[in-house]
Amino acid sequence: MKNIFVISGGGVRGIIPAKALMELREKNPDVKPDLIIGTSVGAILGAYLALGMEGDLCKVFRDSAGEIFQKKKFFPPKYSLDNAVKFLDENIFYGKTCGDFKVPLVISA
């Protein structure tokens, strides 16, 4: 049987799937994804898992959310994509690329 993890978006509410993934990891350590599908913040969480990164996903999310979802002062878009990408690359993924994925990741929009 294949395990497909589908992770939704939702901005700062991404802490909910982060917590669910941590619970799954703790209670069923043998359950590993064969494919990960993520949207928005779900894609960020999915990339973390697809890269095989370890650690407390909730802590990573909490420590990063303020920087990733830092609001712009005026008109849409609400968040600065450039700032988020730079922060993720420098502080979470450390220059890793899609070629480093250990599990396939589909990012849906």
PDB file of N, CA and C in Angstrom:
ATOM      1  N   MET A   1       0.846  -1.171   0.000  1.00  0.00           N
ATOM      2  CA  MET A   1       0.000   0.000   0.000  1.00  0.00           C
ATOM      3  C   MET A   1       0.895   1.239   0.000  1.00  0.00           C
ATOM      4  N   LYS A   2       0.487   2.257  -0.744  1.00  0.00           N
ATOM      5  CA  LYS A   2       1.222   3.512  -0.827  1.00  0.00           C
ATOM      6  C   LYS A   2       0.673   4.499   0.195  1.00  0.00           C
ATOM      7  N   ASN A   3       1.554   5.284   0.772  1.00  0.00           N
ATOM      8  CA  ASN A   3       1.157   6.337   1.701  1.00  0.00           C
ATOM      9  C   ASN A   3       1.335   7.681   1.025  1.00  0.00           C
ATOM     10  N   ILE A   4       0.249   8.392   0.851  1.00  0.00           N
ATOM     11  CA  ILE A   4       0.286   9.716   0.239  1.00  0.00           C
ATOM     12  C   ILE A   4      -0.124  10.723   1.298  1.00  0.00           C
ATOM     13  N   PHE A   5       0.753  11.666   1.567  1.00  0.00           N
ATOM     14  CA  PHE A   5       0.467  12.732   2.523  1.00  0.00           C
ATOM     15  C   PHE A   5      -0.003  13.942   1.732  1.00  0.00           C
ATOM     16  N   VAL A   6      -1.196  14.426   2.032  1.00  0.00           N
ATOM     17  CA  VAL A   6      -1.749  15.622   1.402  1.00  0.00           C
ATOM     18  C   VAL A   6      -1.829  16.689   2.489  1.00  0.00           C
ATOM     19  N   ILE A   7      -1.103  17.803   2.276  1.00  0.00           N
ATOM     20  CA  ILE A   7      -0.989  18.834   3.307  1.00  0.00           C
ATOM     21  C   ILE A   7      -1.560  20.140   2.764  1.00  0.00           C
ATOM     22  N   SER A   8      -2.576  20.650   3.439  1.00  0.00           N
ATOM     23  CA  SER A   8      -3.260  21.856   2.973  1.00  0.00           C
ATOM     24  C   SER A   8      -2.495  23.119   3.327  1.00  0.00           C
ATOM     25  N   GLY A   9      -2.947  24.217   2.757  1.00  0.00           N
ATOM     26  CA  GLY A   9      -2.390  25.525   3.061  1.00  0.00           C
ATOM     27  C   GLY A   9      -3.183  26.164   4.187  1.00  0.00           C
ATOM     28  N   GLY A  10      -2.966  27.447   4.374  1.00  0.00           N
ATOM     29  CA  GLY A  10      -3.715  28.145   5.404  1.00  0.00           C
ATOM     30  C   GLY A  10      -2.885  29.145   6.186  1.00  0.00           C
ATOM     31  N   GLY A  11      -1.717  29.526   5.664  1.00  0.00           N
ATOM     32  CA  GLY A  11      -0.910  30.527   6.351  1.00  0.00           C
ATOM     33  C   GLY A  11      -0.483  30.066   7.729  1.00  0.00           C
ATOM     34  N   VAL A  12      -0.685  30.920   8.712  1.00  0.00           N
ATOM     35  CA  VAL A  12      -0.245  30.594  10.070  1.00  0.00           C
ATOM     36  C   VAL A  12      -1.013  29.415  10.660  1.00  0.00           C
ATOM     37  N   ARG A  13      -2.153  29.071  10.064  1.00  0.00           N
ATOM     38  CA  ARG A  13      -2.882  27.884  10.525  1.00  0.00           C
ATOM     39  C   ARG A  13      -2.165  26.594  10.106  1.00  0.00           C
ATOM     40  N   GLY A  14      -1.038  26.718   9.427  1.00  0.00           N
ATOM     41  CA  GLY A  14      -0.225  25.563   9.066  1.00  0.00           C
ATOM     42  C   GLY A  14       0.301  24.817  10.279  1.00  0.00           C
ATOM     43  N   ILE A  15       0.196  25.417  11.441  1.00  0.00           N
ATOM     44  CA  ILE A  15       0.601  24.729  12.668  1.00  0.00           C
ATOM     45  C   ILE A  15      -0.260  23.487  12.897  1.00  0.00           C
ATOM     46  N   ILE A  16      -1.485  23.492  12.385  1.00  0.00           N
ATOM     47  CA  ILE A  16      -2.391  22.344  12.568  1.00  0.00           C
ATOM     48  C   ILE A  16      -1.864  21.117  11.837  1.00  0.00           C
ATOM     49  N   PRO A  17      -1.586  21.186  10.512  1.00  0.00           N
ATOM     50  CA  PRO A  17      -1.011  19.984   9.878  1.00  0.00           C
ATOM     51  C   PRO A  17       0.394  19.676  10.400  1.00  0.00           C
ATOM     52  N   ALA A  18       1.153  20.693  10.807  1.00  0.00           N
ATOM     53  CA  ALA A  18       2.478  20.428  11.378  1.00  0.00           C
ATOM     54  C   ALA A  18       2.346  19.560  12.623  1.00  0.00           C
ATOM     55  N   LYS A  19       1.395  19.902  13.487  1.00  0.00           N
ATOM     56  CA  LYS A  19       1.159  19.130  14.712  1.00  0.00           C
ATOM     57  C   LYS A  19       0.684  17.715  14.372  1.00  0.00           C
ATOM     58  N   ALA A  20      -0.222  17.604  13.398  1.00  0.00           N
ATOM     59  CA  ALA A  20      -0.725  16.282  12.999  1.00  0.00           C
ATOM     60  C   ALA A  20       0.405  15.414  12.452  1.00  0.00           C
ATOM     61  N   LEU A  21       1.301  15.995  11.668  1.00  0.00           N
ATOM     62  CA  LEU A  21       2.426  15.238  11.127  1.00  0.00           C
ATOM     63  C   LEU A  21       3.383  14.798  12.233  1.00  0.00           C
ATOM     64  N   MET A  22       3.594  15.659  13.216  1.00  0.00           N
ATOM     65  CA  MET A  22       4.448  15.293  14.345  1.00  0.00           C
ATOM     66  C   MET A  22       3.830  14.150  15.157  1.00  0.00           C
ATOM     67  N   GLU A  23       2.524  14.224  15.375  1.00  0.00           N
ATOM     68  CA  GLU A  23       1.830  13.149  16.096  1.00  0.00           C
ATOM     69  C   GLU A  23       1.940  11.833  15.329  1.00  0.00           C
ATOM     70  N   LEU A  24       1.747  11.896  14.017  1.00  0.00           N
ATOM     71  CA  LEU A  24       1.856  10.692  13.187  1.00  0.00           C
ATOM     72  C   LEU A  24       3.265  10.112  13.286  1.00  0.00           C
ATOM     73  N   ARG A  25       4.255  10.980  13.205  1.00  0.00           N
ATOM     74  CA  ARG A  25       5.654  10.550  13.275  1.00  0.00           C
ATOM     75  C   ARG A  25       5.962   9.900  14.625  1.00  0.00           C
ATOM     76  N   GLU A  26       5.420  10.464  15.710  1.00  0.00           N
ATOM     77  CA  GLU A  26       5.686   9.935  17.050  1.00  0.00           C
ATOM     78  C   GLU A  26       4.964   8.620  17.310  1.00  0.00           C
ATOM     79  N   LYS A  27       3.704   8.534  16.895  1.00  0.00           N
ATOM     80  CA  LYS A  27       2.895   7.356  17.207  1.00  0.00           C
ATOM     81  C   LYS A  27       3.081   6.219  16.214  1.00  0.00           C
ATOM     82  N   ASN A  28       3.486   6.535  15.002  1.00  0.00           N
ATOM     83  CA  ASN A  28       3.663   5.527  13.952  1.00  0.00           C
ATOM     84  C   ASN A  28       4.958   5.792  13.193  1.00  0.00           C
ATOM     85  N   PRO A  29       6.100   5.612  13.832  1.00  0.00           N
ATOM     86  CA  PRO A  29       7.372   5.968  13.185  1.00  0.00           C
ATOM     87  C   PRO A  29       7.670   5.189  11.905  1.00  0.00           C
ATOM     88  N   ASP A  30       7.000   4.055  11.719  1.00  0.00           N
ATOM     89  CA  ASP A  30       7.230   3.256  10.514  1.00  0.00           C
ATOM     90  C   ASP A  30       6.441   3.764   9.314  1.00  0.00           C
ATOM     91  N   VAL A  31       5.463   4.639   9.537  1.00  0.00           N
ATOM     92  CA  VAL A  31       4.659   5.168   8.436  1.00  0.00           C
ATOM     93  C   VAL A  31       5.442   6.297   7.772  1.00  0.00           C
ATOM     94  N   LYS A  32       5.836   6.064   6.544  1.00  0.00           N
ATOM     95  CA  LYS A  32       6.602   7.037   5.765  1.00  0.00           C
ATOM     96  C   LYS A  32       5.822   7.353   4.486  1.00  0.00           C
ATOM     97  N   PRO A  33       5.910   8.586   4.000  1.00  0.00           N
ATOM     98  CA  PRO A  33       5.201   8.910   2.766  1.00  0.00           C
ATOM     99  C   PRO A  33       5.921   8.366   1.536  1.00  0.00           C
ATOM    100  N   ASP A  34       5.135   7.908   0.560  1.00  0.00           N
ATOM    101  CA  ASP A  34       5.666   7.534  -0.749  1.00  0.00           C
ATOM    102  C   ASP A  34       5.524   8.708  -1.717  1.00  0.00           C
ATOM    103  N   LEU A  35       4.619   9.618  -1.374  1.00  0.00           N
ATOM    104  CA  LEU A  35       4.369  10.817  -2.175  1.00  0.00           C
ATOM    105  C   LEU A  35       3.808  11.875  -1.235  1.00  0.00           C
ATOM    106  N   ILE A  36       4.223  13.118  -1.432  1.00  0.00           N
ATOM    107  CA  ILE A  36       3.706  14.227  -0.638  1.00  0.00           C
ATOM    108  C   ILE A  36       3.127  15.249  -1.586  1.00  0.00           C
ATOM    109  N   ILE A  37       1.926  15.736  -1.266  1.00  0.00           N
ATOM    110  CA  ILE A  37       1.280  16.782  -2.050  1.00  0.00           C
ATOM    111  C   ILE A  37       0.997  17.935  -1.100  1.00  0.00           C
ATOM    112  N   GLY A  38       1.425  19.142  -1.464  1.00  0.00           N
ATOM    113  CA  GLY A  38       1.234  20.276  -0.583  1.00  0.00           C
ATOM    114  C   GLY A  38       0.818  21.527  -1.333  1.00  0.00           C
ATOM    115  N   THR A  39       0.020  22.340  -0.662  1.00  0.00           N
ATOM    116  CA  THR A  39      -0.412  23.628  -1.184  1.00  0.00           C
ATOM    117  C   THR A  39       0.009  24.709  -0.207  1.00  0.00           C
ATOM    118  N   SER A  40       0.638  25.770  -0.722  1.00  0.00           N
ATOM    119  CA  SER A  40       1.017  26.927   0.073  1.00  0.00           C
ATOM    120  C   SER A  40       1.896  26.501   1.245  1.00  0.00           C
ATOM    121  N   VAL A  41       1.472  26.787   2.469  1.00  0.00           N
ATOM    122  CA  VAL A  41       2.295  26.397   3.612  1.00  0.00           C
ATOM    123  C   VAL A  41       2.423  24.874   3.680  1.00  0.00           C
ATOM    124  N   GLY A  42       1.466  24.152   3.139  1.00  0.00           N
ATOM    125  CA  GLY A  42       1.568  22.695   3.057  1.00  0.00           C
ATOM    126  C   GLY A  42       2.723  22.253   2.179  1.00  0.00           C
ATOM    127  N   ALA A  43       3.056  23.060   1.173  1.00  0.00           N
ATOM    128  CA  ALA A  43       4.204  22.763   0.315  1.00  0.00           C
ATOM    129  C   ALA A  43       5.509  22.973   1.085  1.00  0.00           C
ATOM    130  N   ILE A  44       5.534  23.975   1.959  1.00  0.00           N
ATOM    131  CA  ILE A  44       6.728  24.205   2.782  1.00  0.00           C
ATOM    132  C   ILE A  44       6.922  23.037   3.746  1.00  0.00           C
ATOM    133  N   LEU A  45       5.839  22.642   4.413  1.00  0.00           N
ATOM    134  CA  LEU A  45       5.918  21.492   5.318  1.00  0.00           C
ATOM    135  C   LEU A  45       6.277  20.230   4.536  1.00  0.00           C
ATOM    136  N   GLY A  46       5.675  20.082   3.356  1.00  0.00           N
ATOM    137  CA  GLY A  46       5.968  18.927   2.510  1.00  0.00           C
ATOM    138  C   GLY A  46       7.420  18.877   2.078  1.00  0.00           C
ATOM    139  N   ALA A  47       7.988  20.028   1.746  1.00  0.00           N
ATOM    140  CA  ALA A  47       9.399  20.073   1.348  1.00  0.00           C
ATOM    141  C   ALA A  47      10.291  19.642   2.510  1.00  0.00           C
ATOM    142  N   TYR A  48       9.951  20.081   3.704  1.00  0.00           N
ATOM    143  CA  TYR A  48      10.707  19.692   4.902  1.00  0.00           C
ATOM    144  C   TYR A  48      10.715  18.166   5.035  1.00  0.00           C
ATOM    145  N   LEU A  49       9.536  17.550   4.841  1.00  0.00           N
ATOM    146  CA  LEU A  49       9.438  16.094   4.938  1.00  0.00           C
ATOM    147  C   LEU A  49      10.119  15.413   3.754  1.00  0.00           C
ATOM    148  N   ALA A  50       9.914  15.945   2.554  1.00  0.00           N
ATOM    149  CA  ALA A  50      10.479  15.334   1.349  1.00  0.00           C
ATOM    150  C   ALA A  50      12.008  15.336   1.378  1.00  0.00           C
ATOM    151  N   LEU A  51      12.580  16.332   2.029  1.00  0.00           N
ATOM    152  CA  LEU A  51      14.036  16.393   2.160  1.00  0.00           C
ATOM    153  C   LEU A  51      14.552  15.440   3.231  1.00  0.00           C
ATOM    154  N   GLY A  52      13.629  14.822   3.975  1.00  0.00           N
ATOM    155  CA  GLY A  52      14.021  13.883   5.019  1.00  0.00           C
ATOM    156  C   GLY A  52      14.572  14.576   6.245  1.00  0.00           C
ATOM    157  N   MET A  53      14.205  15.836   6.427  1.00  0.00           N
ATOM    158  CA  MET A  53      14.713  16.597   7.566  1.00  0.00           C
ATOM    159  C   MET A  53      14.052  16.102   8.844  1.00  0.00           C
ATOM    160  N   GLU A  54      14.824  16.056   9.889  1.00  0.00           N
ATOM    161  CA  GLU A  54      14.333  15.599  11.187  1.00  0.00           C
ATOM    162  C   GLU A  54      14.149  16.806  12.089  1.00  0.00           C
ATOM    163  N   GLY A  55      13.594  16.571  13.237  1.00  0.00           N
ATOM    164  CA  GLY A  55      13.405  17.650  14.196  1.00  0.00           C
ATOM    165  C   GLY A  55      11.938  17.924  14.421  1.00  0.00           C
ATOM    166  N   ASP A  56      11.684  18.822  15.327  1.00  0.00           N
ATOM    167  CA  ASP A  56      10.325  19.180  15.719  1.00  0.00           C
ATOM    168  C   ASP A  56       9.736  20.130  14.693  1.00  0.00           C
ATOM    169  N   LEU A  57       8.885  19.604  13.836  1.00  0.00           N
ATOM    170  CA  LEU A  57       8.279  20.389  12.768  1.00  0.00           C
ATOM    171  C   LEU A  57       7.451  21.547  13.321  1.00  0.00           C
ATOM    172  N   CYS A  58       6.804  21.352  14.459  1.00  0.00           N
ATOM    173  CA  CYS A  58       6.013  22.427  15.078  1.00  0.00           C
ATOM    174  C   CYS A  58       6.921  23.562  15.539  1.00  0.00           C
ATOM    175  N   LYS A  59       8.052  23.222  16.126  1.00  0.00           N
ATOM    176  CA  LYS A  59       8.994  24.247  16.575  1.00  0.00           C
ATOM    177  C   LYS A  59       9.554  25.014  15.384  1.00  0.00           C
ATOM    178  N   VAL A  60       9.908  24.295  14.333  1.00  0.00           N
ATOM    179  CA  VAL A  60      10.411  24.945  13.122  1.00  0.00           C
ATOM    180  C   VAL A  60       9.352  25.904  12.585  1.00  0.00           C
ATOM    181  N   PHE A  61       8.100  25.454  12.543  1.00  0.00           N
ATOM    182  CA  PHE A  61       7.024  26.292  12.028  1.00  0.00           C
ATOM    183  C   PHE A  61       6.818  27.522  12.918  1.00  0.00           C
ATOM    184  N   ARG A  62       6.733  27.300  14.233  1.00  0.00           N
ATOM    185  CA  ARG A  62       6.521  28.430  15.155  1.00  0.00           C
ATOM    186  C   ARG A  62       7.655  29.446  15.075  1.00  0.00           C
ATOM    187  N   ASP A  63       8.876  28.950  15.002  1.00  0.00           N
ATOM    188  CA  ASP A  63      10.033  29.842  14.949  1.00  0.00           C
ATOM    189  C   ASP A  63      10.116  30.599  13.627  1.00  0.00           C
ATOM    190  N   SER A  64       9.523  30.054  12.583  1.00  0.00           N
ATOM    191  CA  SER A  64       9.622  30.642  11.248  1.00  0.00           C
ATOM    192  C   SER A  64       8.412  31.464  10.836  1.00  0.00           C
ATOM    193  N   ALA A  65       7.262  31.192  11.408  1.00  0.00           N
ATOM    194  CA  ALA A  65       6.005  31.788  10.932  1.00  0.00           C
ATOM    195  C   ALA A  65       6.040  33.313  10.922  1.00  0.00           C
ATOM    196  N   GLY A  66       6.605  33.919  11.956  1.00  0.00           N
ATOM    197  CA  GLY A  66       6.649  35.375  12.011  1.00  0.00           C
ATOM    198  C   GLY A  66       7.419  35.980  10.852  1.00  0.00           C
ATOM    199  N   GLU A  67       8.471  35.309  10.440  1.00  0.00           N
ATOM    200  CA  GLU A  67       9.284  35.804   9.335  1.00  0.00           C
ATOM    201  C   GLU A  67       8.650  35.478   7.980  1.00  0.00           C
ATOM    202  N   ILE A  68       8.139  34.267   7.842  1.00  0.00           N
ATOM    203  CA  ILE A  68       7.544  33.854   6.568  1.00  0.00           C
ATOM    204  C   ILE A  68       6.276  34.651   6.270  1.00  0.00           C
ATOM    205  N   PHE A  69       5.451  34.846   7.284  1.00  0.00           N
ATOM    206  CA  PHE A  69       4.163  35.513   7.084  1.00  0.00           C
ATOM    207  C   PHE A  69       4.187  36.964   7.539  1.00  0.00           C
ATOM    208  N   GLN A  70       5.333  37.576   7.471  1.00  0.00           N
ATOM    209  CA  GLN A  70       5.469  38.987   7.818  1.00  0.00           C
ATOM    210  C   GLN A  70       4.658  39.809   6.822  1.00  0.00           C
ATOM    211  N   LYS A  71       3.681  40.539   7.326  1.00  0.00           N
ATOM    212  CA  LYS A  71       2.776  41.282   6.441  1.00  0.00           C
ATOM    213  C   LYS A  71       3.449  42.508   5.851  1.00  0.00           C
ATOM    214  N   LYS A  72       3.081  42.768   4.591  1.00  0.00           N
ATOM    215  CA  LYS A  72       3.491  44.018   3.966  1.00  0.00           C
ATOM    216  C   LYS A  72       2.625  45.131   4.538  1.00  0.00           C
ATOM    217  N   LYS A  73       3.043  46.343   4.369  1.00  0.00           N
ATOM    218  CA  LYS A  73       2.316  47.453   4.971  1.00  0.00           C
ATOM    219  C   LYS A  73       1.100  47.907   4.159  1.00  0.00           C
ATOM    220  N   PHE A  74       1.121  47.726   2.846  1.00  0.00           N
ATOM    221  CA  PHE A  74       0.047  48.292   2.038  1.00  0.00           C
ATOM    222  C   PHE A  74      -0.766  47.245   1.295  1.00  0.00           C
ATOM    223  N   PHE A  75      -0.750  47.286   0.008  1.00  0.00           N
ATOM    224  CA  PHE A  75      -1.653  46.515  -0.849  1.00  0.00           C
ATOM    225  C   PHE A  75      -1.230  45.058  -1.015  1.00  0.00           C
ATOM    226  N   PRO A  76      -2.176  44.226  -1.520  1.00  0.00           N
ATOM    227  CA  PRO A  76      -1.830  42.818  -1.792  1.00  0.00           C
ATOM    228  C   PRO A  76      -0.651  42.739  -2.740  1.00  0.00           C
ATOM    229  N   PRO A  77       0.122  41.672  -2.722  1.00  0.00           N
ATOM    230  CA  PRO A  77      -0.066  40.500  -1.867  1.00  0.00           C
ATOM    231  C   PRO A  77       0.222  40.803  -0.397  1.00  0.00           C
ATOM    232  N   LYS A  78      -0.403  40.019   0.461  1.00  0.00           N
ATOM    233  CA  LYS A  78      -0.270  40.264   1.894  1.00  0.00           C
ATOM    234  C   LYS A  78       1.145  40.011   2.397  1.00  0.00           C
ATOM    235  N   TYR A  79       1.822  39.054   1.784  1.00  0.00           N
ATOM    236  CA  TYR A  79       3.129  38.648   2.274  1.00  0.00           C
ATOM    237  C   TYR A  79       4.183  38.852   1.189  1.00  0.00           C
ATOM    238  N   SER A  80       5.399  39.051   1.589  1.00  0.00           N
ATOM    239  CA  SER A  80       6.500  39.227   0.650  1.00  0.00           C
ATOM    240  C   SER A  80       7.077  37.864   0.277  1.00  0.00           C
ATOM    241  N   LEU A  81       6.856  37.455  -0.940  1.00  0.00           N
ATOM    242  CA  LEU A  81       7.371  36.177  -1.410  1.00  0.00           C
ATOM    243  C   LEU A  81       8.895  36.163  -1.370  1.00  0.00           C
ATOM    244  N   ASP A  82       9.515  37.253  -1.782  1.00  0.00           N
ATOM    245  CA  ASP A  82      10.979  37.317  -1.788  1.00  0.00           C
ATOM    246  C   ASP A  82      11.552  37.121  -0.387  1.00  0.00           C
ATOM    247  N   ASN A  83      10.956  37.780   0.596  1.00  0.00           N
ATOM    248  CA  ASN A  83      11.438  37.634   1.979  1.00  0.00           C
ATOM    249  C   ASN A  83      11.241  36.211   2.484  1.00  0.00           C
ATOM    250  N   ALA A  84      10.094  35.618   2.169  1.00  0.00           N
ATOM    251  CA  ALA A  84       9.807  34.257   2.622  1.00  0.00           C
ATOM    252  C   ALA A  84      10.787  33.264   2.003  1.00  0.00           C
ATOM    253  N   VAL A  85      11.005  33.379   0.687  1.00  0.00           N
ATOM    254  CA  VAL A  85      11.911  32.454   0.004  1.00  0.00           C
ATOM    255  C   VAL A  85      13.332  32.593   0.545  1.00  0.00           C
ATOM    256  N   LYS A  86      13.777  33.813   0.729  1.00  0.00           N
ATOM    257  CA  LYS A  86      15.122  34.052   1.256  1.00  0.00           C
ATOM    258  C   LYS A  86      15.266  33.464   2.664  1.00  0.00           C
ATOM    259  N   PHE A  87      14.273  33.704   3.514  1.00  0.00           N
ATOM    260  CA  PHE A  87      14.321  33.175   4.868  1.00  0.00           C
ATOM    261  C   PHE A  87      14.357  31.650   4.865  1.00  0.00           C
ATOM    262  N   LEU A  88      13.466  31.024   4.086  1.00  0.00           N
ATOM    263  CA  LEU A  88      13.418  29.562   4.036  1.00  0.00           C
ATOM    264  C   LEU A  88      14.742  28.982   3.543  1.00  0.00           C
ATOM    265  N   ASP A  89      15.289  29.582   2.496  1.00  0.00           N
ATOM    266  CA  ASP A  89      16.535  29.077   1.931  1.00  0.00           C
ATOM    267  C   ASP A  89      17.695  29.200   2.913  1.00  0.00           C
ATOM    268  N   GLU A  90      17.769  30.317   3.609  1.00  0.00           N
ATOM    269  CA  GLU A  90      18.902  30.562   4.497  1.00  0.00           C
ATOM    270  C   GLU A  90      18.768  29.930   5.881  1.00  0.00           C
ATOM    271  N   ASN A  91      17.529  29.715   6.353  1.00  0.00           N
ATOM    272  CA  ASN A  91      17.336  29.288   7.737  1.00  0.00           C
ATOM    273  C   ASN A  91      16.698  27.919   7.929  1.00  0.00           C
ATOM    274  N   ILE A  92      16.034  27.424   6.907  1.00  0.00           N
ATOM    275  CA  ILE A  92      15.348  26.138   7.042  1.00  0.00           C
ATOM    276  C   ILE A  92      15.963  25.093   6.105  1.00  0.00           C
ATOM    277  N   PHE A  93      16.043  25.416   4.818  1.00  0.00           N
ATOM    278  CA  PHE A  93      16.463  24.437   3.810  1.00  0.00           C
ATOM    279  C   PHE A  93      17.946  24.521   3.456  1.00  0.00           C
ATOM    280  N   TYR A  94      18.624  25.568   3.883  1.00  0.00           N
ATOM    281  CA  TYR A  94      20.068  25.711   3.725  1.00  0.00           C
ATOM    282  C   TYR A  94      20.560  25.419   2.299  1.00  0.00           C
ATOM    283  N   GLY A  95      19.875  25.994   1.325  1.00  0.00           N
ATOM    284  CA  GLY A  95      20.308  25.880  -0.063  1.00  0.00           C
ATOM    285  C   GLY A  95      19.982  24.563  -0.742  1.00  0.00           C
ATOM    286  N   LYS A  96      19.248  23.693  -0.089  1.00  0.00           N
ATOM    287  CA  LYS A  96      18.860  22.429  -0.722  1.00  0.00           C
ATOM    288  C   LYS A  96      17.901  22.724  -1.882  1.00  0.00           C
ATOM    289  N   THR A  97      17.847  21.813  -2.842  1.00  0.00           N
ATOM    290  CA  THR A  97      16.987  21.990  -4.009  1.00  0.00           C
ATOM    291  C   THR A  97      16.073  20.780  -4.163  1.00  0.00           C
ATOM    292  N   CYS A  98      15.206  20.840  -5.141  1.00  0.00           N
ATOM    293  CA  CYS A  98      14.282  19.728  -5.412  1.00  0.00           C
ATOM    294  C   CYS A  98      15.038  18.448  -5.734  1.00  0.00           C
ATOM    295  N   GLY A  99      16.238  18.571  -6.252  1.00  0.00           N
ATOM    296  CA  GLY A  99      17.054  17.395  -6.529  1.00  0.00           C
ATOM    297  C   GLY A  99      17.484  16.649  -5.276  1.00  0.00           C
ATOM    298  N   ASP A 100      17.340  17.287  -4.133  1.00  0.00           N
ATOM    299  CA  ASP A 100      17.704  16.665  -2.858  1.00  0.00           C
ATOM    300  C   ASP A 100      16.551  15.912  -2.199  1.00  0.00           C
ATOM    301  N   PHE A 101      15.349  15.972  -2.795  1.00  0.00           N
ATOM    302  CA  PHE A 101      14.195  15.304  -2.199  1.00  0.00           C
ATOM    303  C   PHE A 101      14.428  13.806  -2.121  1.00  0.00           C
ATOM    304  N   LYS A 102      14.051  13.219  -1.004  1.00  0.00           N
ATOM    305  CA  LYS A 102      14.113  11.777  -0.818  1.00  0.00           C
ATOM    306  C   LYS A 102      12.759  11.133  -1.127  1.00  0.00           C
ATOM    307  N   VAL A 103      11.710  11.956  -1.146  1.00  0.00           N
ATOM    308  CA  VAL A 103      10.348  11.524  -1.452  1.00  0.00           C
ATOM    309  C   VAL A 103       9.799  12.513  -2.482  1.00  0.00           C
ATOM    310  N   PRO A 104       9.089  12.029  -3.507  1.00  0.00           N
ATOM    311  CA  PRO A 104       8.528  12.953  -4.486  1.00  0.00           C
ATOM    312  C   PRO A 104       7.554  13.937  -3.832  1.00  0.00           C
ATOM    313  N   LEU A 105       7.609  15.189  -4.259  1.00  0.00           N
ATOM    314  CA  LEU A 105       6.728  16.248  -3.751  1.00  0.00           C
ATOM    315  C   LEU A 105       6.015  16.897  -4.925  1.00  0.00           C
ATOM    316  N   VAL A 106       4.700  16.980  -4.829  1.00  0.00           N
ATOM    317  CA  VAL A 106       3.879  17.700  -5.800  1.00  0.00           C
ATOM    318  C   VAL A 106       3.368  18.959  -5.118  1.00  0.00           C
ATOM    319  N   ILE A 107       3.646  20.097  -5.718  1.00  0.00           N
ATOM    320  CA  ILE A 107       3.152  21.363  -5.179  1.00  0.00           C
ATOM    321  C   ILE A 107       1.995  21.810  -6.046  1.00  0.00           C
ATOM    322  N   SER A 108       0.810  21.881  -5.444  1.00  0.00           N
ATOM    323  CA  SER A 108      -0.384  22.262  -6.193  1.00  0.00           C
ATOM    324  C   SER A 108      -0.740  23.707  -5.886  1.00  0.00           C
ATOM    325  N   ALA A 109      -1.393  24.308  -6.843  1.00  0.00           N
ATOM    326  CA  ALA A 109      -1.802  25.707  -6.665  1.00  0.00           C
ATOM    327  C   ALA A 109      -3.277  25.843  -6.964  1.00  0.00           C
TER     328      ALA A 109
END
